[in-house]
C-alpha atoms as a PDB file:
ATOM      1  CA  UNK A   1      -8.845 -10.483   5.177  1.00  0.00           C
ATOM      2  CA  UNK A   2      -7.501 -12.904   2.597  1.00  0.00           C
ATOM      3  CA  UNK A   3      -5.613 -11.598  -0.402  1.00  0.00           C
ATOM      4  CA  UNK A   4      -8.467 -12.782  -2.641  1.00  0.00           C
ATOM      5  CA  UNK A   5     -10.994 -10.820  -0.545  1.00  0.00           C
ATOM      6  CA  UNK A   6      -8.667  -7.827  -0.794  1.00  0.00           C
ATOM      7  CA  UNK A   7      -8.581  -8.078  -4.595  1.00  0.00           C
ATOM      8  CA  UNK A   8     -12.398  -8.272  -4.687  1.00  0.00           C
ATOM      9  CA  UNK A   9     -12.609  -5.209  -2.454  1.00  0.00           C
ATOM     10  CA  UNK A  10     -10.340  -3.329  -4.871  1.00  0.00           C
ATOM     11  CA  UNK A  11     -12.890  -4.065  -7.597  1.00  0.00           C
ATOM     12  CA  UNK A  12     -15.734  -2.884  -5.346  1.00  0.00           C
ATOM     13  CA  UNK A  13     -13.824   0.335  -4.645  1.00  0.00           C
ATOM     14  CA  UNK A  14     -13.153   0.678  -8.380  1.00  0.00           C
ATOM     15  CA  UNK A  15      -9.397   1.021  -7.992  1.00  0.00           C
ATOM     16  CA  UNK A  16      -6.570  -1.074  -9.397  1.00  0.00           C
ATOM     17  CA  UNK A  17      -3.782  -2.457  -7.268  1.00  0.00           C
ATOM     18  CA  UNK A  18      -1.163  -0.153  -8.840  1.00  0.00           C
ATOM     19  CA  UNK A  19      -3.369   2.901  -8.248  1.00  0.00           C
ATOM     20  CA  UNK A  20      -4.173   1.777  -4.692  1.00  0.00           C
ATOM     21  CA  UNK A  21      -0.492   1.366  -3.847  1.00  0.00           C
ATOM     22  CA  UNK A  22       0.352   4.737  -5.396  1.00  0.00           C
ATOM     23  CA  UNK A  23      -2.497   6.432  -3.503  1.00  0.00           C
ATOM     24  CA  UNK A  24      -1.419   5.125  -0.103  1.00  0.00           C
ATOM     25  CA  UNK A  25       2.313   5.482  -0.895  1.00  0.00           C
ATOM     26  CA  UNK A  26       3.175   1.806  -0.403  1.00  0.00           C
ATOM     27  CA  UNK A  27       5.095  -0.066  -3.066  1.00  0.00           C
ATOM     28  CA  UNK A  28       3.061  -2.376  -5.251  1.00  0.00           C
ATOM     29  CA  UNK A  29       5.714  -5.044  -4.706  1.00  0.00           C
ATOM     30  CA  UNK A  30       5.132  -4.808  -0.961  1.00  0.00           C
ATOM     31  CA  UNK A  31       1.387  -5.303  -1.359  1.00  0.00           C
ATOM     32  CA  UNK A  32       1.883  -8.142  -3.856  1.00  0.00           C
ATOM     33  CA  UNK A  33       4.039  -9.926  -1.257  1.00  0.00           C
ATOM     34  CA  UNK A  34       0.896 -10.482   0.822  1.00  0.00           C
ATOM     35  CA  UNK A  35      -0.347 -12.803  -1.916  1.00  0.00           C
ATOM     36  CA  UNK A  36       2.194 -15.427  -0.801  1.00  0.00           C
ATOM     37  CA  UNK A  37       1.122 -15.024   2.821  1.00  0.00           C
ATOM     38  CA  UNK A  38      -2.528 -15.336   1.797  1.00  0.00           C
ATOM     39  CA  UNK A  39      -3.628 -12.421   3.982  1.00  0.00           C
ATOM     40  CA  UNK A  40      -3.228  -8.673   4.065  1.00  0.00           C
ATOM     41  CA  UNK A  41      -2.374  -6.778   7.264  1.00  0.00           C
ATOM     42  CA  UNK A  42      -5.257  -5.462   9.335  1.00  0.00           C
ATOM     43  CA  UNK A  43      -4.466  -1.841   8.452  1.00  0.00           C
ATOM     44  CA  UNK A  44      -4.648  -2.550   4.708  1.00  0.00           C
ATOM     45  CA  UNK A  45      -7.862  -4.573   5.180  1.00  0.00           C
ATOM     46  CA  UNK A  46      -9.459  -1.769   7.206  1.00  0.00           C
ATOM     47  CA  UNK A  47      -8.376   0.839   4.663  1.00  0.00           C
ATOM     48  CA  UNK A  48      -9.757  -0.941   1.593  1.00  0.00           C
ATOM     49  CA  UNK A  49     -12.989  -1.718   3.470  1.00  0.00           C
ATOM     50  CA  UNK A  50     -13.388   1.996   4.219  1.00  0.00           C
ATOM     51  CA  UNK A  51     -12.721   2.776   0.548  1.00  0.00           C
ATOM     52  CA  UNK A  52     -15.499   0.371  -0.473  1.00  0.00           C
ATOM     53  CA  UNK A  53     -17.992   1.899   1.981  1.00  0.00           C
ATOM     54  CA  UNK A  54     -17.049   5.413   0.905  1.00  0.00           C
ATOM     55  CA  UNK A  55     -17.439   4.495  -2.778  1.00  0.00           C
ATOM     56  CA  UNK A  56     -20.860   2.943  -2.074  1.00  0.00           C
ATOM     57  CA  UNK A  57     -21.921   6.179  -0.357  1.00  0.00           C
ATOM     58  CA  UNK A  58     -20.686   8.471  -3.090  1.00  0.00           C
ATOM     59  CA  UNK A  59     -17.702   9.811  -1.156  1.00  0.00           C
ATOM     60  CA  UNK A  60     -14.503  10.484  -3.095  1.00  0.00           C
ATOM     61  CA  UNK A  61     -11.968   8.585  -0.995  1.00  0.00           C
ATOM     62  CA  UNK A  62      -9.156   9.411  -3.431  1.00  0.00           C
ATOM     63  CA  UNK A  63      -9.491  13.132  -2.781  1.00  0.00           C
ATOM     64  CA  UNK A  64      -9.628  12.576   0.986  1.00  0.00           C
ATOM     65  CA  UNK A  65      -6.447  10.469   0.950  1.00  0.00           C
ATOM     66  CA  UNK A  66      -4.589  12.863  -1.336  1.00  0.00           C
ATOM     67  CA  UNK A  67      -5.312  15.706   1.113  1.00  0.00           C
ATOM     68  CA  UNK A  68      -3.271  13.802   3.714  1.00  0.00           C
ATOM     69  CA  UNK A  69      -0.144  14.425   1.615  1.00  0.00           C
ATOM     70  CA  UNK A  70       1.284  11.012   2.512  1.00  0.00           C
ATOM     71  CA  UNK A  71       4.983  10.466   1.880  1.00  0.00           C
ATOM     72  CA  UNK A  72       6.553   7.332   0.462  1.00  0.00           C
ATOM     73  CA  UNK A  73       8.872   5.905   3.074  1.00  0.00           C
ATOM     74  CA  UNK A  74      12.316   4.871   1.980  1.00  0.00           C
ATOM     75  CA  UNK A  75      14.126   1.890   3.394  1.00  0.00           C
ATOM     76  CA  UNK A  76      16.799   2.698   5.887  1.00  0.00           C
ATOM     77  CA  UNK A  77      19.349  -0.021   5.782  1.00  0.00           C
ATOM     78  CA  UNK A  78      22.921  -0.832   5.134  1.00  0.00           C
ATOM     79  CA  UNK A  79      22.793  -1.600   1.448  1.00  0.00           C
ATOM     80  CA  UNK A  80      25.910  -2.174  -0.596  1.00  0.00           C
ATOM     81  CA  UNK A  81      25.929   1.389  -1.888  1.00  0.00           C
ATOM     82  CA  UNK A  82      25.697   2.927   1.555  1.00  0.00           C
ATOM     83  CA  UNK A  83      28.592   1.055   3.157  1.00  0.00           C
ATOM     84  CA  UNK A  84      31.664   3.084   3.778  1.00  0.00           C
ATOM     85  CA  UNK A  85      34.829   1.457   2.600  1.00  0.00           C
ATOM     86  CA  UNK A  86      37.399   0.856   5.288  1.00  0.00           C
ATOM     87  CA  UNK A  87      40.791   2.285   4.511  1.00  0.00           C
ATOM     88  CA  UNK A  88      43.829   0.312   5.452  1.00  0.00           C
ATOM     89  CA  UNK A  89      46.159   2.186   7.708  1.00  0.00           C
END
């Protein structure tokens, strides 16, 4: 799915990009990065397509997703703040 098709699907599902990213616990910045690539990952494409179909059939997808109690994943990396300073002996 192209990023443009994804944006159109958001409109069909009646959800904004910020609300979509908050609902699925993925940073908006992360999703916006797919704009440069031109395509969204298959999982995101499948998810928004399901949201559109659910919306068209009168199913509240927001409630269903919220029941999953998804957690926002934090990056695990060696950032500057997490490095331990080496003491000279």
